[in-house]
Amino acid sequence: MGDTTLREIQDELRSLLEGRAGIVDGIVAPIVFVVANAIAGMPAAAYAGVGVALAVVLVRLARRNDLKYAVSGLFGTGLAIALALRSGDAQDYFLPGIISGVATTAIAVVSIAVRRPMVAYMSWITRQWPLDWYWHPSVRPAYARVTWLWAGFFAVRTGVQLWLYLTDQTTALGFVRAATGWPGTIALLIATFIVGRNRLLALGGPSVDQFEAKTPASEWHPQPAGF
């Protein structure tokens, strides 16, 4: 792995983990919910889950940090708890995440089938590179390969959670959700850079600048940084 790729991974992780609010909500909230449910029952678990998510928002507000992760976490936690309270079943807390995982897996597979890989759109939103560059025959296969990686990750993660949900293993579901949430996302991001960059180098397509300048194929070199 080259020094450039390592630096890019570090920069991406630094941006992703900024403020750590997302990690707190993604790891602590599910664990607090299942532990509280095991000790004191569903109503107490609901209060505890909302309390953790709200505490994240208040801490971020007090520190004048970006609230986007905290607010989205509060919304997600509120929706999950509302479903659990409505059904009276604690494991329904995890239902939105399972549904989201199924949808993400399906979108990833369909995007590959129609030759518009999902990860390419995600990169485009972040990088603001020309969208047509991603569809170049010597570029698109790299994003298709990484999208397969994402599809596999979400399929396995969702499949395990669905099995635990259907077999009423709420406590295990909570810990699996925590372990495969932010830790899993970080591992996936690192794998995305390594696999994607290596595939781009092997394809030998044009860089973004060369694509925009319509540089002849004989002078192409892969995108020097980013994915």
Protein backbone atom coordinates (compact mmCIF):
# COMPACT_ATOMS: atom_id res chain seq x y z
CA MET A 1 0.00 0.00 0.00
CA GLY A 2 1.48 3.35 -1.03
CA ASP A 3 2.05 6.35 1.20
CA THR A 4 -0.56 8.35 -0.75
CA THR A 5 -3.25 5.73 -0.10
CA LEU A 6 -2.35 5.60 3.59
CA ARG A 7 -2.60 9.37 3.89
CA GLU A 8 -5.95 9.39 2.11
CA ILE A 9 -7.33 6.70 4.41
CA GLN A 10 -6.18 8.71 7.42
CA ASP A 11 -7.81 11.88 6.06
CA GLU A 12 -11.09 10.07 5.32
CA LEU A 13 -11.18 8.48 8.76
CA ARG A 14 -10.38 11.79 10.43
CA SER A 15 -13.34 13.38 8.64
CA LEU A 16 -15.63 10.43 9.37
CA LEU A 17 -14.78 10.30 13.06
CA GLU A 18 -14.78 14.06 13.65
CA GLY A 19 -16.25 14.77 17.07
CA ARG A 20 -16.88 11.04 17.71
CA ALA A 21 -20.62 11.71 18.17
CA GLY A 22 -21.48 9.20 15.49
CA ILE A 23 -19.43 6.54 17.24
CA VAL A 24 -21.04 7.23 20.60
CA ASP A 25 -24.52 6.94 19.14
CA GLY A 26 -23.68 3.99 16.92
CA ILE A 27 -21.98 1.86 19.58
CA VAL A 28 -23.21 3.00 22.99
CA ALA A 29 -26.93 3.52 22.28
CA PRO A 30 -27.74 -0.08 21.20
CA ILE A 31 -25.74 -1.53 24.10
CA VAL A 32 -27.43 0.77 26.61
CA PHE A 33 -30.81 -0.20 25.19
CA VAL A 34 -30.31 -3.99 25.44
CA VAL A 35 -28.70 -3.81 28.88
CA ALA A 36 -31.47 -1.59 30.23
CA ASN A 37 -34.08 -3.87 28.69
CA ALA A 38 -32.52 -6.94 30.32
CA ILE A 39 -32.36 -5.25 33.73
CA ALA A 40 -35.48 -3.09 33.88
CA GLY A 41 -37.65 -3.91 30.86
CA MET A 42 -38.76 -2.12 27.73
CA PRO A 43 -40.01 1.24 29.08
CA ALA A 44 -36.77 1.82 30.97
CA ALA A 45 -34.75 0.77 27.90
CA ALA A 46 -36.68 3.27 25.78
CA TYR A 47 -35.90 6.11 28.18
CA ALA A 48 -32.25 5.06 28.36
CA GLY A 49 -31.88 4.86 24.57
CA VAL A 50 -33.42 8.28 23.98
CA GLY A 51 -31.40 9.69 26.88
CA VAL A 52 -28.11 8.59 25.34
CA ALA A 53 -29.00 10.01 21.91
CA LEU A 54 -30.19 13.28 23.47
CA ALA A 55 -27.03 13.52 25.56
CA VAL A 56 -24.95 13.31 22.39
CA VAL A 57 -26.89 16.23 20.89
CA LEU A 58 -26.49 18.34 24.04
CA VAL A 59 -22.76 17.66 24.28
CA ARG A 60 -22.24 18.55 20.64
CA LEU A 61 -24.34 21.69 21.10
CA ALA A 62 -22.35 22.73 24.17
CA ARG A 63 -19.08 22.24 22.28
CA ARG A 64 -20.45 24.05 19.22
CA ASN A 65 -19.63 21.06 17.03
CA ASP A 66 -21.35 19.91 13.86
CA LEU A 67 -24.74 18.49 14.87
CA LYS A 68 -25.50 16.44 11.75
CA TYR A 69 -24.39 13.07 13.15
CA ALA A 70 -25.95 13.67 16.56
CA VAL A 71 -29.30 14.87 15.20
CA SER A 72 -29.53 12.02 12.68
CA GLY A 73 -28.66 9.61 15.49
CA LEU A 74 -31.37 11.06 17.69
CA PHE A 75 -33.91 10.76 14.88
CA GLY A 76 -32.91 7.17 14.15
CA THR A 77 -33.00 6.19 17.80
CA GLY A 78 -36.39 7.85 18.26
CA LEU A 79 -37.85 5.98 15.29
CA ALA A 80 -36.43 2.65 16.47
CA ILE A 81 -37.76 3.11 19.99
CA ALA A 82 -41.17 4.20 18.69
CA LEU A 83 -41.44 0.92 16.79
CA ALA A 84 -40.36 -1.07 19.83
CA LEU A 85 -42.87 0.69 22.09
CA ARG A 86 -45.66 0.30 19.54
CA SER A 87 -45.16 -3.45 19.25
CA GLY A 88 -44.12 -4.00 22.85
CA ASP A 89 -41.16 -6.06 21.60
CA ALA A 90 -37.66 -4.78 22.39
CA GLN A 91 -36.10 -6.37 19.32
CA ASP A 92 -38.15 -4.11 17.04
CA TYR A 93 -35.69 -1.40 18.08
CA PHE A 94 -33.37 -2.94 15.50
CA LEU A 95 -35.93 -3.30 12.71
CA PRO A 96 -35.16 0.02 10.91
CA GLY A 97 -31.49 -0.92 10.68
CA ILE A 98 -32.34 -4.34 9.24
CA ILE A 99 -34.70 -2.82 6.65
CA SER A 100 -32.05 -0.24 5.75
CA GLY A 101 -29.46 -3.00 5.32
CA VAL A 102 -31.71 -4.98 2.98
CA ALA A 103 -32.40 -1.86 0.91
CA THR A 104 -28.72 -0.93 0.71
CA THR A 105 -27.76 -4.43 -0.42
CA ALA A 106 -30.46 -4.42 -3.11
CA ILE A 107 -29.50 -0.96 -4.36
CA ALA A 108 -25.83 -1.97 -4.58
CA VAL A 109 -26.58 -5.10 -6.63
CA VAL A 110 -29.03 -3.33 -8.95
CA SER A 111 -26.59 -0.45 -9.49
CA ILE A 112 -23.96 -2.92 -10.69
CA ALA A 113 -26.46 -4.64 -12.97
CA VAL A 114 -27.33 -1.34 -14.68
CA ARG A 115 -23.62 -0.41 -14.91
CA ARG A 116 -23.90 2.55 -12.58
CA PRO A 117 -22.20 1.28 -9.38
CA MET A 118 -23.46 2.79 -6.15
CA VAL A 119 -20.01 3.62 -4.76
CA ALA A 120 -19.30 5.77 -7.83
CA TYR A 121 -22.24 8.01 -6.90
CA MET A 122 -21.01 8.19 -3.31
CA SER A 123 -17.55 9.24 -4.51
CA TRP A 124 -19.09 11.76 -6.90
CA ILE A 125 -21.03 13.41 -4.08
CA THR A 126 -17.88 13.65 -1.98
CA ARG A 127 -15.28 14.47 -4.64
CA GLN A 128 -17.39 16.43 -7.15
CA TRP A 129 -15.46 14.86 -10.03
CA PRO A 130 -17.23 14.73 -13.43
CA LEU A 131 -19.88 12.03 -13.26
CA ASP A 132 -19.06 10.84 -16.79
CA TRP A 133 -15.52 10.03 -15.68
CA TYR A 134 -16.87 7.30 -13.39
CA TRP A 135 -18.58 5.62 -16.36
CA HIS A 136 -15.43 5.44 -18.46
CA PRO A 137 -14.72 1.80 -19.45
CA SER A 138 -11.30 1.97 -17.77
CA VAL A 139 -12.67 3.47 -14.56
CA ARG A 140 -16.12 2.03 -13.92
CA PRO A 141 -14.93 -1.58 -13.25
CA ALA A 142 -13.01 -0.35 -10.19
CA TYR A 143 -16.18 1.13 -8.70
CA ALA A 144 -18.17 -1.96 -9.66
CA ARG A 145 -15.72 -4.19 -7.79
CA VAL A 146 -15.88 -2.04 -4.68
CA THR A 147 -19.67 -1.90 -4.88
CA TRP A 148 -19.68 -5.71 -4.81
CA LEU A 149 -17.60 -5.41 -1.65
CA TRP A 150 -20.22 -3.12 -0.12
CA ALA A 151 -23.05 -5.41 -1.22
CA GLY A 152 -21.34 -8.38 0.43
CA PHE A 153 -20.68 -6.48 3.65
CA PHE A 154 -24.27 -5.29 4.02
CA ALA A 155 -25.69 -8.68 2.99
CA VAL A 156 -23.70 -10.52 5.66
CA ARG A 157 -24.29 -7.92 8.34
CA THR A 158 -28.01 -7.72 7.65
CA GLY A 159 -28.34 -11.49 7.31
CA VAL A 160 -26.83 -12.09 10.74
CA GLN A 161 -29.00 -9.39 12.32
CA LEU A 162 -32.12 -10.74 10.63
CA TRP A 163 -31.42 -14.25 11.90
CA LEU A 164 -30.93 -12.94 15.45
CA TYR A 165 -34.13 -10.89 15.10
CA LEU A 166 -36.18 -13.86 13.91
CA THR A 167 -34.82 -16.09 16.69
CA ASP A 168 -35.56 -13.49 19.40
CA GLN A 169 -31.94 -13.03 20.45
CA THR A 170 -32.28 -9.38 21.37
CA THR A 171 -29.16 -9.05 23.53
CA ALA A 172 -26.92 -10.66 20.90
CA LEU A 173 -28.56 -8.49 18.25
CA GLY A 174 -27.62 -5.36 20.16
CA PHE A 175 -23.98 -6.33 20.49
CA VAL A 176 -23.74 -7.45 16.85
CA ARG A 177 -25.31 -4.16 15.77
CA ALA A 178 -22.72 -2.23 17.80
CA ALA A 179 -19.77 -4.32 16.60
CA THR A 180 -20.72 -4.13 12.92
CA GLY A 181 -21.79 -0.49 12.98
CA TRP A 182 -18.98 2.06 13.13
CA PRO A 183 -16.16 -0.52 13.50
CA GLY A 184 -17.49 -2.34 10.45
CA THR A 185 -17.87 0.91 8.51
CA ILE A 186 -14.28 1.89 9.25
CA ALA A 187 -13.02 -1.50 8.04
CA LEU A 188 -15.17 -1.21 4.91
CA LEU A 189 -13.82 2.25 4.16
CA ILE A 190 -10.23 1.05 4.43
CA ALA A 191 -10.97 -1.95 2.20
CA THR A 192 -12.68 0.37 -0.30
CA PHE A 193 -9.57 2.49 -0.70
CA ILE A 194 -7.19 -0.45 -0.95
CA VAL A 195 -9.25 -2.51 -3.39
CA GLY A 196 -10.46 0.48 -5.39
CA ARG A 197 -7.07 2.15 -5.79
CA ASN A 198 -5.40 -1.12 -6.80
CA ARG A 199 -8.09 -1.78 -9.41
CA LEU A 200 -7.80 1.75 -10.83
CA LEU A 201 -4.04 1.30 -11.19
CA ALA A 202 -4.52 -2.05 -12.95
CA LEU A 203 -7.09 -0.60 -15.36
CA GLY A 204 -4.76 2.19 -16.46
CA GLY A 205 -7.55 4.61 -17.33
CA PRO A 206 -7.32 8.40 -17.49
CA SER A 207 -7.09 10.63 -14.47
CA VAL A 208 -9.89 13.12 -13.87
CA ASP A 209 -7.80 15.97 -15.33
CA GLN A 210 -6.89 13.92 -18.40
CA PHE A 211 -10.49 12.92 -18.93
CA GLU A 212 -11.61 16.56 -18.84
CA ALA A 213 -8.77 17.58 -21.16
CA LYS A 214 -9.53 14.69 -23.56
CA THR A 215 -5.92 13.53 -23.35
CA PRO A 216 -4.97 10.77 -25.85
CA ALA A 217 -5.03 7.23 -24.45
CA SER A 218 -1.29 6.83 -25.01
CA GLU A 219 -0.66 9.49 -22.35
CA TRP A 220 -3.09 8.24 -19.71
CA HIS A 221 -2.09 7.55 -16.16
CA PRO A 222 -4.49 6.54 -13.33
CA GLN A 223 -6.03 9.11 -11.02
CA PRO A 224 -3.10 10.00 -8.71
CA ALA A 225 -5.16 10.42 -5.56
CA GLY A 226 -8.65 9.75 -4.25
CA PHE A 227 -11.25 7.17 -5.09
